[in-house]
C-alpha atoms as a PDB file:
ATOM      1  CA  UNK A   1      45.096 -60.104  51.556  1.00  0.00           C
ATOM      2  CA  UNK A   2      42.467 -59.146  53.969  1.00  0.00           C
ATOM      3  CA  UNK A   3      40.899 -56.612  51.623  1.00  0.00           C
ATOM      4  CA  UNK A   4      40.412 -59.243  48.830  1.00  0.00           C
ATOM      5  CA  UNK A   5      38.930 -61.782  51.435  1.00  0.00           C
ATOM      6  CA  UNK A   6      36.517 -59.224  52.896  1.00  0.00           C
ATOM      7  CA  UNK A   7      34.379 -58.748  49.688  1.00  0.00           C
ATOM      8  CA  UNK A   8      34.342 -62.509  49.368  1.00  0.00           C
ATOM      9  CA  UNK A   9      33.060 -63.014  52.817  1.00  0.00           C
ATOM     10  CA  UNK A  10      30.343 -60.341  52.239  1.00  0.00           C
ATOM     11  CA  UNK A  11      29.248 -61.960  49.107  1.00  0.00           C
ATOM     12  CA  UNK A  12      29.042 -65.370  50.734  1.00  0.00           C
ATOM     13  CA  UNK A  13      27.275 -63.727  53.734  1.00  0.00           C
ATOM     14  CA  UNK A  14      24.822 -61.982  51.457  1.00  0.00           C
ATOM     15  CA  UNK A  15      24.082 -65.315  49.604  1.00  0.00           C
ATOM     16  CA  UNK A  16      23.507 -67.166  52.897  1.00  0.00           C
ATOM     17  CA  UNK A  17      20.985 -64.205  54.002  1.00  0.00           C
ATOM     18  CA  UNK A  18      19.119 -64.436  50.587  1.00  0.00           C
ATOM     19  CA  UNK A  19      18.989 -68.573  50.932  1.00  0.00           C
ATOM     20  CA  UNK A  20      17.751 -68.019  54.493  1.00  0.00           C
ATOM     21  CA  UNK A  21      15.005 -65.671  53.565  1.00  0.00           C
ATOM     22  CA  UNK A  22      13.915 -67.737  50.843  1.00  0.00           C
ATOM     23  CA  UNK A  23      13.725 -70.848  53.059  1.00  0.00           C
ATOM     24  CA  UNK A  24      11.660 -68.763  55.618  1.00  0.00           C
ATOM     25  CA  UNK A  25       9.153 -67.760  52.845  1.00  0.00           C
ATOM     26  CA  UNK A  26       8.963 -71.423  51.767  1.00  0.00           C
ATOM     27  CA  UNK A  27       8.565 -72.777  55.416  1.00  0.00           C
ATOM     28  CA  UNK A  28       5.801 -69.996  55.917  1.00  0.00           C
ATOM     29  CA  UNK A  29       4.070 -71.096  52.682  1.00  0.00           C
ATOM     30  CA  UNK A  30       4.181 -74.684  53.531  1.00  0.00           C
ATOM     31  CA  UNK A  31       2.813 -73.931  57.139  1.00  0.00           C
ATOM     32  CA  UNK A  32      -0.002 -72.035  55.814  1.00  0.00           C
ATOM     33  CA  UNK A  33      -0.954 -74.706  53.449  1.00  0.00           C
ATOM     34  CA  UNK A  34      -0.863 -77.499  56.090  1.00  0.00           C
ATOM     35  CA  UNK A  35      -2.855 -75.128  58.355  1.00  0.00           C
ATOM     36  CA  UNK A  36      -5.693 -74.768  55.692  1.00  0.00           C
ATOM     37  CA  UNK A  37      -5.477 -78.566  55.093  1.00  0.00           C
ATOM     38  CA  UNK A  38      -5.939 -79.036  59.089  1.00  0.00           C
ATOM     39  CA  UNK A  39      -8.891 -76.756  59.080  1.00  0.00           C
ATOM     40  CA  UNK A  40     -10.566 -78.578  55.995  1.00  0.00           C
ATOM     41  CA  UNK A  41      -9.966 -81.863  57.842  1.00  0.00           C
ATOM     42  CA  UNK A  42     -11.562 -80.480  61.154  1.00  0.00           C
ATOM     43  CA  UNK A  43     -14.459 -79.363  59.220  1.00  0.00           C
ATOM     44  CA  UNK A  44     -14.923 -82.727  57.467  1.00  0.00           C
ATOM     45  CA  UNK A  45     -14.506 -84.547  60.823  1.00  0.00           C
ATOM     46  CA  UNK A  46     -17.376 -82.420  62.538  1.00  0.00           C
ATOM     47  CA  UNK A  47     -19.498 -82.960  59.541  1.00  0.00           C
ATOM     48  CA  UNK A  48     -18.755 -86.887  59.828  1.00  0.00           C
ATOM     49  CA  UNK A  49     -19.545 -86.650  63.596  1.00  0.00           C
ATOM     50  CA  UNK A  50     -22.788 -85.010  62.974  1.00  0.00           C
ATOM     51  CA  UNK A  51     -23.704 -87.478  60.096  1.00  0.00           C
ATOM     52  CA  UNK A  52     -22.938 -90.291  62.576  1.00  0.00           C
ATOM     53  CA  UNK A  53     -25.120 -88.936  65.083  1.00  0.00           C
ATOM     54  CA  UNK A  54     -27.946 -88.704  62.728  1.00  0.00           C
ATOM     55  CA  UNK A  55     -27.196 -92.217  61.575  1.00  0.00           C
ATOM     56  CA  UNK A  56     -27.395 -93.428  65.265  1.00  0.00           C
ATOM     57  CA  UNK A  57     -30.893 -91.776  65.558  1.00  0.00           C
ATOM     58  CA  UNK A  58     -31.968 -93.256  62.545  1.00  0.00           C
ATOM     59  CA  UNK A  59     -30.679 -96.684  63.429  1.00  0.00           C
ATOM     60  CA  UNK A  60     -32.487 -96.257  66.855  1.00  0.00           C
ATOM     61  CA  UNK A  61     -35.721 -95.310  65.257  1.00  0.00           C
ATOM     62  CA  UNK A  62     -35.651 -98.156  62.644  1.00  0.00           C
ATOM     63  CA  UNK A  63     -34.795-100.765  65.320  1.00  0.00           C
ATOM     64  CA  UNK A  64     -37.262 -99.701  68.017  1.00  0.00           C
ATOM     65  CA  UNK A  65     -39.353-102.466  69.403  1.00  0.00           C
ATOM     66  CA  UNK A  66     -42.743-100.669  68.679  1.00  0.00           C
ATOM     67  CA  UNK A  67     -41.854-100.264  65.090  1.00  0.00           C
ATOM     68  CA  UNK A  68     -40.830-104.009  64.658  1.00  0.00           C
ATOM     69  CA  UNK A  69     -43.959-105.049  66.542  1.00  0.00           C
ATOM     70  CA  UNK A  70     -46.120-102.779  64.111  1.00  0.00           C
ATOM     71  CA  UNK A  71     -44.543-104.199  60.988  1.00  0.00           C
ATOM     72  CA  UNK A  72     -44.870-107.770  62.113  1.00  0.00           C
ATOM     73  CA  UNK A  73     -48.404-107.100  62.933  1.00  0.00           C
ATOM     74  CA  UNK A  74     -49.139-105.149  59.615  1.00  0.00           C
ATOM     75  CA  UNK A  75     -47.029-107.063  57.049  1.00  0.00           C
ATOM     76  CA  UNK A  76     -46.727-110.640  58.472  1.00  0.00           C
ATOM     77  CA  UNK A  77     -50.102-110.664  60.275  1.00  0.00           C
ATOM     78  CA  UNK A  78     -48.157-111.500  63.472  1.00  0.00           C
ATOM     79  CA  UNK A  79     -49.471-111.064  67.086  1.00  0.00           C
ATOM     80  CA  UNK A  80     -48.474-111.742  70.775  1.00  0.00           C
ATOM     81  CA  UNK A  81     -49.703-115.057  71.802  1.00  0.00           C
ATOM     82  CA  UNK A  82     -52.563-115.261  74.339  1.00  0.00           C
ATOM     83  CA  UNK A  83     -51.623-116.776  77.745  1.00  0.00           C
ATOM     84  CA  UNK A  84     -53.404-119.947  76.919  1.00  0.00           C
ATOM     85  CA  UNK A  85     -51.684-120.292  73.735  1.00  0.00           C
ATOM     86  CA  UNK A  86     -48.193-120.385  75.530  1.00  0.00           C
ATOM     87  CA  UNK A  87     -46.621-123.741  75.892  1.00  0.00           C
ATOM     88  CA  UNK A  88     -43.659-124.439  78.385  1.00  0.00           C
ATOM     89  CA  UNK A  89     -41.421-127.080  77.254  1.00  0.00           C
ATOM     90  CA  UNK A  90     -38.866-128.526  79.845  1.00  0.00           C
ATOM     91  CA  UNK A  91     -35.920-130.591  78.791  1.00  0.00           C
ATOM     92  CA  UNK A  92     -34.706-133.437  80.814  1.00  0.00           C
ATOM     93  CA  UNK A  93     -31.061-134.156  81.049  1.00  0.00           C
END
Protein backbone atom coordinates (compact mmCIF):
# COMPACT_ATOMS: atom_id res chain seq x y z
CA UNK A 1 0.00 0.00 0.00
CA UNK A 2 2.95 2.34 0.50
CA UNK A 3 3.89 1.96 -3.15
CA UNK A 4 0.48 3.26 -4.20
CA UNK A 5 0.58 6.22 -1.80
CA UNK A 6 4.05 7.26 -2.88
CA UNK A 7 3.13 8.31 -6.48
CA UNK A 8 0.09 10.15 -5.09
CA UNK A 9 2.28 12.03 -2.60
CA UNK A 10 4.73 12.91 -5.34
CA UNK A 11 1.91 14.20 -7.54
CA UNK A 12 0.53 16.32 -4.68
CA UNK A 13 3.98 17.71 -3.90
CA UNK A 14 4.56 18.42 -7.60
CA UNK A 15 1.24 20.32 -7.84
CA UNK A 16 2.10 22.28 -4.68
CA UNK A 17 5.53 23.20 -6.11
CA UNK A 18 3.95 24.39 -9.37
CA UNK A 19 1.32 26.42 -7.50
CA UNK A 20 4.05 27.90 -5.31
CA UNK A 21 6.14 28.82 -8.37
CA UNK A 22 3.13 30.50 -10.00
CA UNK A 23 2.42 32.40 -6.78
CA UNK A 24 6.04 33.61 -6.64
CA UNK A 25 5.84 34.77 -10.26
CA UNK A 26 2.55 36.59 -9.61
CA UNK A 27 3.84 38.32 -6.47
CA UNK A 28 7.03 39.31 -8.32
CA UNK A 29 4.97 40.82 -11.14
CA UNK A 30 2.71 42.70 -8.73
CA UNK A 31 5.74 44.01 -6.81
CA UNK A 32 7.29 45.34 -10.02
CA UNK A 33 4.03 47.03 -10.95
CA UNK A 34 3.72 48.66 -7.53
CA UNK A 35 7.37 49.77 -7.61
CA UNK A 36 6.87 51.34 -11.05
CA UNK A 37 3.76 53.12 -9.76
CA UNK A 38 5.72 54.35 -6.73
CA UNK A 39 8.42 55.77 -9.01
CA UNK A 40 5.80 57.53 -11.11
CA UNK A 41 4.14 59.00 -8.02
CA UNK A 42 7.50 60.19 -6.65
CA UNK A 43 8.25 61.93 -9.96
CA UNK A 44 4.81 63.51 -9.86
CA UNK A 45 5.37 64.65 -6.26
CA UNK A 46 8.72 66.19 -7.22
CA UNK A 47 7.06 68.00 -10.12
CA UNK A 48 4.31 69.28 -7.82
CA UNK A 49 6.90 70.52 -5.30
CA UNK A 50 8.73 72.36 -8.08
CA UNK A 51 5.46 73.86 -9.33
CA UNK A 52 4.55 74.90 -5.78
CA UNK A 53 7.94 76.60 -5.38
CA UNK A 54 7.40 78.52 -8.61
CA UNK A 55 3.89 79.42 -7.46
CA UNK A 56 5.24 80.81 -4.17
CA UNK A 57 7.81 82.89 -6.04
CA UNK A 58 5.17 84.21 -8.41
CA UNK A 59 2.80 84.97 -5.54
CA UNK A 60 5.57 86.82 -3.75
CA UNK A 61 6.34 88.87 -6.85
CA UNK A 62 2.68 89.74 -7.48
CA UNK A 63 2.13 90.72 -3.86
CA UNK A 64 5.25 92.80 -3.33
CA UNK A 65 4.64 96.22 -1.80
CA UNK A 66 6.60 97.99 -4.53
CA UNK A 67 4.43 96.45 -7.24
CA UNK A 68 1.22 97.33 -5.38
CA UNK A 69 2.41 100.93 -4.89
CA UNK A 70 3.32 101.27 -8.58
CA UNK A 71 -0.05 99.88 -9.71
CA UNK A 72 -1.93 102.14 -7.29
CA UNK A 73 -0.06 105.17 -8.62
CA UNK A 74 -0.44 104.23 -12.29
CA UNK A 75 -3.96 102.81 -12.49
CA UNK A 76 -5.73 104.59 -9.65
CA UNK A 77 -3.70 107.79 -9.55
CA UNK A 78 -2.99 107.22 -5.85
CA UNK A 79 -0.07 108.62 -3.90
CA UNK A 80 1.22 108.69 -0.35
CA UNK A 81 -0.18 111.63 1.62
CA UNK A 82 2.06 114.55 2.48
CA UNK A 83 2.69 115.08 6.20
CA UNK A 84 0.39 118.12 6.30
CA UNK A 85 -2.43 116.02 4.75
CA UNK A 86 -2.40 113.47 7.56
CA UNK A 87 -5.10 113.91 10.15
CA UNK A 88 -5.02 111.97 13.43
CA UNK A 89 -8.42 111.22 14.94
CA UNK A 90 -8.66 110.36 18.61
CA UNK A 91 -11.62 108.49 19.95
CA UNK A 92 -12.91 109.22 23.46
CA UNK A 93 -14.35 106.38 25.45
